[in-house]
Amino acid sequence: MAKILFVDDEPGLRLLYSDEFTDEGYEVVTAATCAEAASLLKNRDIDLAVLDIQIKQESGLEMLQQIVREQKDLPVILCSAYNCYKDDFSSWLADAYIIKSSDLTELKNEIARQLKRQT
């Protein structure tokens, strides 16, 4: 069972991701801050991370750079409400960029695709 880390400061989205992706058969862990996410990445075997770009006062793009430095084989999907960050060079380090939507089909498909690439 693949383990997915979702990093988002919105409690409702973390709950939605947890419910939806647990139902899809994944083990889900969530983090509300970059520090919490960094701790989870160090202490648990995470197979894929989904990062929001704006996490309160923190930057998901900086978190992405940290992950690439420390765990370059970990697939990372940026999931943002904003399309404008696609032009930011830092976002190009991610394996995919998804615009947040109430329809999780694209995110589900991208997670499945990224995990399949790992095997």
N, C-alpha and C. Protein backbone atom coordinates (compact mmCIF):
# COMPACT_ATOMS: atom_id res chain seq x y z
N MET A 1 0.86 -1.18 0.00
CA MET A 1 0.00 0.00 0.00
C MET A 1 0.90 1.24 0.00
N ALA A 2 0.74 2.08 -1.00
CA ALA A 2 1.54 3.30 -1.09
C ALA A 2 1.12 4.29 -0.02
N LYS A 3 2.13 5.01 0.49
CA LYS A 3 1.86 6.01 1.53
C LYS A 3 2.05 7.40 0.93
N ILE A 4 1.01 8.21 1.04
CA ILE A 4 1.01 9.55 0.45
C ILE A 4 0.97 10.59 1.55
N LEU A 5 1.82 11.60 1.41
CA LEU A 5 1.82 12.74 2.33
C LEU A 5 1.15 13.92 1.63
N PHE A 6 0.11 14.46 2.25
CA PHE A 6 -0.54 15.67 1.76
C PHE A 6 -0.17 16.81 2.70
N VAL A 7 0.35 17.90 2.13
CA VAL A 7 0.73 19.06 2.92
C VAL A 7 -0.15 20.22 2.49
N ASP A 8 -1.04 20.63 3.39
CA ASP A 8 -1.97 21.71 3.09
C ASP A 8 -2.39 22.34 4.42
N ASP A 9 -2.48 23.65 4.46
CA ASP A 9 -2.85 24.32 5.71
C ASP A 9 -4.36 24.36 5.95
N GLU A 10 -5.14 23.93 4.99
CA GLU A 10 -6.60 23.95 5.15
C GLU A 10 -7.08 22.62 5.72
N PRO A 11 -7.62 22.65 6.97
CA PRO A 11 -8.04 21.40 7.61
C PRO A 11 -9.09 20.63 6.80
N GLY A 12 -10.00 21.35 6.16
CA GLY A 12 -11.04 20.68 5.37
C GLY A 12 -10.46 19.90 4.20
N LEU A 13 -9.45 20.47 3.56
CA LEU A 13 -8.81 19.77 2.44
C LEU A 13 -8.02 18.56 2.92
N ARG A 14 -7.34 18.70 4.07
CA ARG A 14 -6.61 17.54 4.60
C ARG A 14 -7.58 16.41 4.90
N LEU A 15 -8.73 16.73 5.47
CA LEU A 15 -9.74 15.71 5.77
C LEU A 15 -10.28 15.09 4.48
N LEU A 16 -10.56 15.93 3.49
CA LEU A 16 -11.05 15.43 2.20
C LEU A 16 -10.02 14.49 1.56
N TYR A 17 -8.76 14.94 1.50
CA TYR A 17 -7.71 14.09 0.93
C TYR A 17 -7.60 12.78 1.69
N SER A 18 -7.63 12.87 3.01
CA SER A 18 -7.49 11.66 3.83
C SER A 18 -8.63 10.68 3.53
N ASP A 19 -9.85 11.16 3.52
CA ASP A 19 -11.00 10.28 3.26
C ASP A 19 -10.97 9.70 1.85
N GLU A 20 -10.77 10.57 0.87
CA GLU A 20 -10.83 10.13 -0.54
C GLU A 20 -9.71 9.15 -0.89
N PHE A 21 -8.51 9.46 -0.45
CA PHE A 21 -7.38 8.62 -0.86
C PHE A 21 -7.25 7.37 0.00
N THR A 22 -7.77 7.40 1.22
CA THR A 22 -7.88 6.16 2.00
C THR A 22 -8.87 5.23 1.31
N ASP A 23 -9.99 5.77 0.85
CA ASP A 23 -10.97 4.97 0.11
C ASP A 23 -10.37 4.40 -1.18
N GLU A 24 -9.40 5.10 -1.75
CA GLU A 24 -8.74 4.63 -2.98
C GLU A 24 -7.72 3.53 -2.69
N GLY A 25 -7.47 3.26 -1.40
CA GLY A 25 -6.55 2.19 -1.05
C GLY A 25 -5.15 2.64 -0.67
N TYR A 26 -4.96 3.93 -0.48
CA TYR A 26 -3.65 4.44 -0.08
C TYR A 26 -3.61 4.64 1.43
N GLU A 27 -2.39 4.62 1.97
CA GLU A 27 -2.20 5.06 3.34
C GLU A 27 -1.91 6.56 3.27
N VAL A 28 -2.65 7.33 4.02
CA VAL A 28 -2.56 8.79 3.93
C VAL A 28 -2.04 9.38 5.24
N VAL A 29 -1.06 10.25 5.13
CA VAL A 29 -0.63 11.07 6.25
C VAL A 29 -0.74 12.52 5.80
N THR A 30 -1.03 13.40 6.74
CA THR A 30 -1.21 14.80 6.39
C THR A 30 -0.36 15.68 7.30
N ALA A 31 -0.04 16.86 6.77
CA ALA A 31 0.71 17.86 7.53
C ALA A 31 0.12 19.22 7.24
N ALA A 32 0.04 20.05 8.28
CA ALA A 32 -0.48 21.41 8.13
C ALA A 32 0.61 22.44 7.92
N THR A 33 1.86 22.06 8.20
CA THR A 33 2.99 22.99 8.07
C THR A 33 4.15 22.28 7.38
N CYS A 34 5.10 23.08 6.89
CA CYS A 34 6.29 22.51 6.26
C CYS A 34 7.15 21.80 7.30
N ALA A 35 7.22 22.32 8.52
CA ALA A 35 8.01 21.67 9.57
C ALA A 35 7.43 20.30 9.89
N GLU A 36 6.11 20.23 9.98
CA GLU A 36 5.46 18.94 10.25
C GLU A 36 5.74 17.98 9.09
N ALA A 37 5.66 18.48 7.88
CA ALA A 37 5.92 17.63 6.71
C ALA A 37 7.37 17.14 6.71
N ALA A 38 8.32 18.01 7.04
CA ALA A 38 9.73 17.61 7.08
C ALA A 38 9.95 16.51 8.09
N SER A 39 9.30 16.63 9.24
CA SER A 39 9.43 15.60 10.27
C SER A 39 8.86 14.27 9.78
N LEU A 40 7.70 14.30 9.15
CA LEU A 40 7.10 13.07 8.63
C LEU A 40 7.98 12.44 7.56
N LEU A 41 8.57 13.28 6.71
CA LEU A 41 9.43 12.74 5.65
C LEU A 41 10.69 12.08 6.22
N LYS A 42 11.17 12.58 7.35
CA LYS A 42 12.36 11.99 7.96
C LYS A 42 12.05 10.70 8.70
N ASN A 43 10.86 10.61 9.26
CA ASN A 43 10.53 9.51 10.16
C ASN A 43 9.61 8.44 9.60
N ARG A 44 9.08 8.64 8.42
CA ARG A 44 8.17 7.65 7.85
C ARG A 44 8.56 7.40 6.39
N ASP A 45 8.26 6.24 5.91
CA ASP A 45 8.54 5.91 4.51
C ASP A 45 7.40 6.41 3.63
N ILE A 46 7.58 7.57 3.08
CA ILE A 46 6.57 8.20 2.23
C ILE A 46 6.89 7.85 0.78
N ASP A 47 5.87 7.47 0.01
CA ASP A 47 6.06 7.11 -1.39
C ASP A 47 5.82 8.27 -2.35
N LEU A 48 5.06 9.26 -1.91
CA LEU A 48 4.73 10.40 -2.79
C LEU A 48 4.24 11.54 -1.91
N ALA A 49 4.58 12.77 -2.29
CA ALA A 49 4.11 13.94 -1.54
C ALA A 49 3.29 14.84 -2.44
N VAL A 50 2.21 15.37 -1.89
CA VAL A 50 1.38 16.36 -2.58
C VAL A 50 1.47 17.64 -1.76
N LEU A 51 2.01 18.69 -2.37
CA LEU A 51 2.26 19.94 -1.66
C LEU A 51 1.39 21.06 -2.16
N ASP A 52 0.80 21.80 -1.22
CA ASP A 52 0.21 23.09 -1.55
C ASP A 52 1.36 24.07 -1.73
N ILE A 53 1.17 25.13 -2.45
CA ILE A 53 2.26 26.09 -2.66
C ILE A 53 2.25 27.17 -1.58
N GLN A 54 1.08 27.61 -1.19
CA GLN A 54 1.00 28.61 -0.12
C GLN A 54 0.47 27.93 1.13
N ILE A 55 1.35 27.73 2.08
CA ILE A 55 0.99 27.06 3.33
C ILE A 55 1.13 28.10 4.43
N LYS A 56 0.05 28.86 4.66
CA LYS A 56 0.07 30.03 5.55
C LYS A 56 1.24 30.93 5.16
N GLN A 57 2.20 31.14 6.07
CA GLN A 57 3.33 32.03 5.79
C GLN A 57 4.51 31.27 5.16
N GLU A 58 4.33 29.98 4.93
CA GLU A 58 5.41 29.18 4.40
C GLU A 58 5.24 28.96 2.89
N SER A 59 6.32 28.56 2.26
CA SER A 59 6.31 28.34 0.82
C SER A 59 6.44 26.86 0.50
N GLY A 60 5.46 26.34 -0.19
CA GLY A 60 5.56 24.97 -0.65
C GLY A 60 6.68 24.80 -1.66
N LEU A 61 7.01 25.88 -2.38
CA LEU A 61 8.12 25.81 -3.34
C LEU A 61 9.46 25.63 -2.62
N GLU A 62 9.61 26.29 -1.46
CA GLU A 62 10.83 26.07 -0.68
C GLU A 62 10.87 24.65 -0.13
N MET A 63 9.70 24.16 0.29
CA MET A 63 9.61 22.78 0.77
C MET A 63 9.98 21.81 -0.35
N LEU A 64 9.51 22.11 -1.55
CA LEU A 64 9.84 21.28 -2.71
C LEU A 64 11.35 21.23 -2.92
N GLN A 65 12.01 22.37 -2.84
CA GLN A 65 13.47 22.41 -3.00
C GLN A 65 14.17 21.57 -1.93
N GLN A 66 13.66 21.65 -0.70
CA GLN A 66 14.24 20.85 0.38
C GLN A 66 14.07 19.36 0.09
N ILE A 67 12.91 18.96 -0.37
CA ILE A 67 12.67 17.55 -0.69
C ILE A 67 13.60 17.09 -1.80
N VAL A 68 13.74 17.91 -2.83
CA VAL A 68 14.61 17.53 -3.95
C VAL A 68 16.05 17.36 -3.48
N ARG A 69 16.50 18.24 -2.55
CA ARG A 69 17.87 18.12 -2.02
C ARG A 69 18.05 16.85 -1.19
N GLU A 70 17.04 16.54 -0.39
CA GLU A 70 17.18 15.45 0.58
C GLU A 70 16.64 14.10 0.12
N GLN A 71 15.63 14.12 -0.73
CA GLN A 71 15.00 12.86 -1.18
C GLN A 71 14.65 12.98 -2.65
N LYS A 72 15.67 13.08 -3.48
CA LYS A 72 15.43 13.40 -4.89
C LYS A 72 14.61 12.36 -5.63
N ASP A 73 14.49 11.15 -5.10
CA ASP A 73 13.70 10.13 -5.78
C ASP A 73 12.22 10.15 -5.38
N LEU A 74 11.85 10.98 -4.43
CA LEU A 74 10.46 11.05 -3.98
C LEU A 74 9.64 11.88 -4.98
N PRO A 75 8.62 11.28 -5.58
CA PRO A 75 7.77 12.07 -6.48
C PRO A 75 6.98 13.13 -5.69
N VAL A 76 6.91 14.31 -6.26
CA VAL A 76 6.18 15.41 -5.62
C VAL A 76 5.22 16.02 -6.63
N ILE A 77 3.99 16.18 -6.20
CA ILE A 77 2.97 16.84 -7.01
C ILE A 77 2.61 18.14 -6.31
N LEU A 78 2.74 19.25 -7.03
CA LEU A 78 2.27 20.52 -6.49
C LEU A 78 0.78 20.62 -6.77
N CYS A 79 0.01 21.01 -5.77
CA CYS A 79 -1.44 21.14 -5.91
C CYS A 79 -1.82 22.52 -5.38
N SER A 80 -2.12 23.41 -6.28
CA SER A 80 -2.34 24.80 -5.91
C SER A 80 -3.64 25.34 -6.50
N ALA A 81 -4.19 26.33 -5.83
CA ALA A 81 -5.35 27.02 -6.36
C ALA A 81 -4.95 28.03 -7.44
N TYR A 82 -3.64 28.26 -7.56
CA TYR A 82 -3.13 29.30 -8.46
C TYR A 82 -2.39 28.70 -9.65
N ASN A 83 -2.74 29.15 -10.82
CA ASN A 83 -2.07 28.73 -12.04
C ASN A 83 -0.76 29.47 -12.26
N CYS A 84 -0.62 30.65 -11.64
CA CYS A 84 0.52 31.53 -11.92
C CYS A 84 1.86 30.94 -11.52
N TYR A 85 1.89 30.00 -10.58
CA TYR A 85 3.17 29.43 -10.13
C TYR A 85 3.75 28.45 -11.14
N LYS A 86 2.97 28.09 -12.15
CA LYS A 86 3.51 27.18 -13.18
C LYS A 86 4.71 27.81 -13.89
N ASP A 87 4.77 29.13 -13.94
CA ASP A 87 5.87 29.83 -14.60
C ASP A 87 7.08 30.03 -13.70
N ASP A 88 6.94 29.71 -12.42
CA ASP A 88 8.05 29.84 -11.47
C ASP A 88 9.00 28.66 -11.69
N PHE A 89 10.27 28.96 -11.93
CA PHE A 89 11.23 27.89 -12.19
C PHE A 89 11.26 26.84 -11.08
N SER A 90 11.04 27.27 -9.85
CA SER A 90 11.07 26.31 -8.73
C SER A 90 10.00 25.25 -8.87
N SER A 91 8.87 25.62 -9.45
CA SER A 91 7.78 24.64 -9.58
C SER A 91 8.14 23.54 -10.58
N TRP A 92 9.11 23.81 -11.44
CA TRP A 92 9.50 22.82 -12.44
C TRP A 92 10.24 21.64 -11.82
N LEU A 93 10.64 21.77 -10.56
CA LEU A 93 11.28 20.65 -9.87
C LEU A 93 10.28 19.55 -9.54
N ALA A 94 9.01 19.92 -9.50
CA ALA A 94 7.96 18.94 -9.16
C ALA A 94 7.73 17.99 -10.33
N ASP A 95 7.20 16.83 -10.01
CA ASP A 95 6.89 15.85 -11.05
C ASP A 95 5.60 16.18 -11.77
N ALA A 96 4.74 16.96 -11.11
CA ALA A 96 3.48 17.37 -11.74
C ALA A 96 2.94 18.60 -11.01
N TYR A 97 2.07 19.31 -11.69
CA TYR A 97 1.44 20.52 -11.14
C TYR A 97 -0.05 20.41 -11.43
N ILE A 98 -0.84 20.40 -10.38
CA ILE A 98 -2.29 20.24 -10.51
C ILE A 98 -2.97 21.47 -9.92
N ILE A 99 -3.99 21.96 -10.61
CA ILE A 99 -4.80 23.05 -10.06
C ILE A 99 -5.88 22.42 -9.17
N LYS A 100 -6.01 22.95 -7.94
CA LYS A 100 -7.00 22.41 -7.01
C LYS A 100 -8.39 22.47 -7.61
N SER A 101 -9.15 21.43 -7.33
CA SER A 101 -10.52 21.36 -7.82
C SER A 101 -11.33 20.50 -6.86
N SER A 102 -12.63 20.73 -6.83
CA SER A 102 -13.49 19.87 -6.03
C SER A 102 -13.59 18.48 -6.65
N ASP A 103 -13.30 18.39 -7.94
CA ASP A 103 -13.24 17.11 -8.62
C ASP A 103 -11.79 16.60 -8.52
N LEU A 104 -11.59 15.54 -7.77
CA LEU A 104 -10.23 15.04 -7.51
C LEU A 104 -9.73 14.06 -8.57
N THR A 105 -10.46 13.93 -9.66
CA THR A 105 -10.09 12.95 -10.69
C THR A 105 -8.68 13.18 -11.23
N GLU A 106 -8.36 14.41 -11.58
CA GLU A 106 -7.02 14.69 -12.14
C GLU A 106 -5.93 14.37 -11.11
N LEU A 107 -6.16 14.76 -9.86
CA LEU A 107 -5.17 14.47 -8.82
C LEU A 107 -5.03 12.96 -8.62
N LYS A 108 -6.15 12.26 -8.57
CA LYS A 108 -6.10 10.80 -8.41
C LYS A 108 -5.34 10.14 -9.56
N ASN A 109 -5.62 10.58 -10.77
CA ASN A 109 -4.94 10.02 -11.94
C ASN A 109 -3.44 10.30 -11.91
N GLU A 110 -3.08 11.51 -11.51
CA GLU A 110 -1.66 11.88 -11.48
C GLU A 110 -0.93 11.10 -10.38
N ILE A 111 -1.55 10.93 -9.24
CA ILE A 111 -0.93 10.13 -8.17
C ILE A 111 -0.72 8.71 -8.66
N ALA A 112 -1.72 8.12 -9.26
CA ALA A 112 -1.58 6.75 -9.77
C ALA A 112 -0.46 6.68 -10.81
N ARG A 113 -0.39 7.68 -11.69
CA ARG A 113 0.65 7.70 -12.74
C ARG A 113 2.04 7.81 -12.12
N GLN A 114 2.20 8.70 -11.15
CA GLN A 114 3.52 8.89 -10.52
C GLN A 114 3.95 7.63 -9.77
N LEU A 115 3.02 7.01 -9.06
CA LEU A 115 3.38 5.80 -8.31
C LEU A 115 3.72 4.65 -9.25
N LYS A 116 3.02 4.58 -10.38
CA LYS A 116 3.31 3.53 -11.36
C LYS A 116 4.71 3.71 -11.95
N ARG A 117 5.12 4.96 -12.14
CA ARG A 117 6.46 5.25 -12.68
C ARG A 117 7.56 4.75 -11.74
N GLN A 118 7.25 4.72 -10.43
CA GLN A 118 8.25 4.28 -9.44
C GLN A 118 8.49 2.78 -9.50
N THR A 119 7.49 2.03 -9.93
CA THR A 119 7.63 0.56 -9.87
C THR A 119 8.34 0.01 -11.08
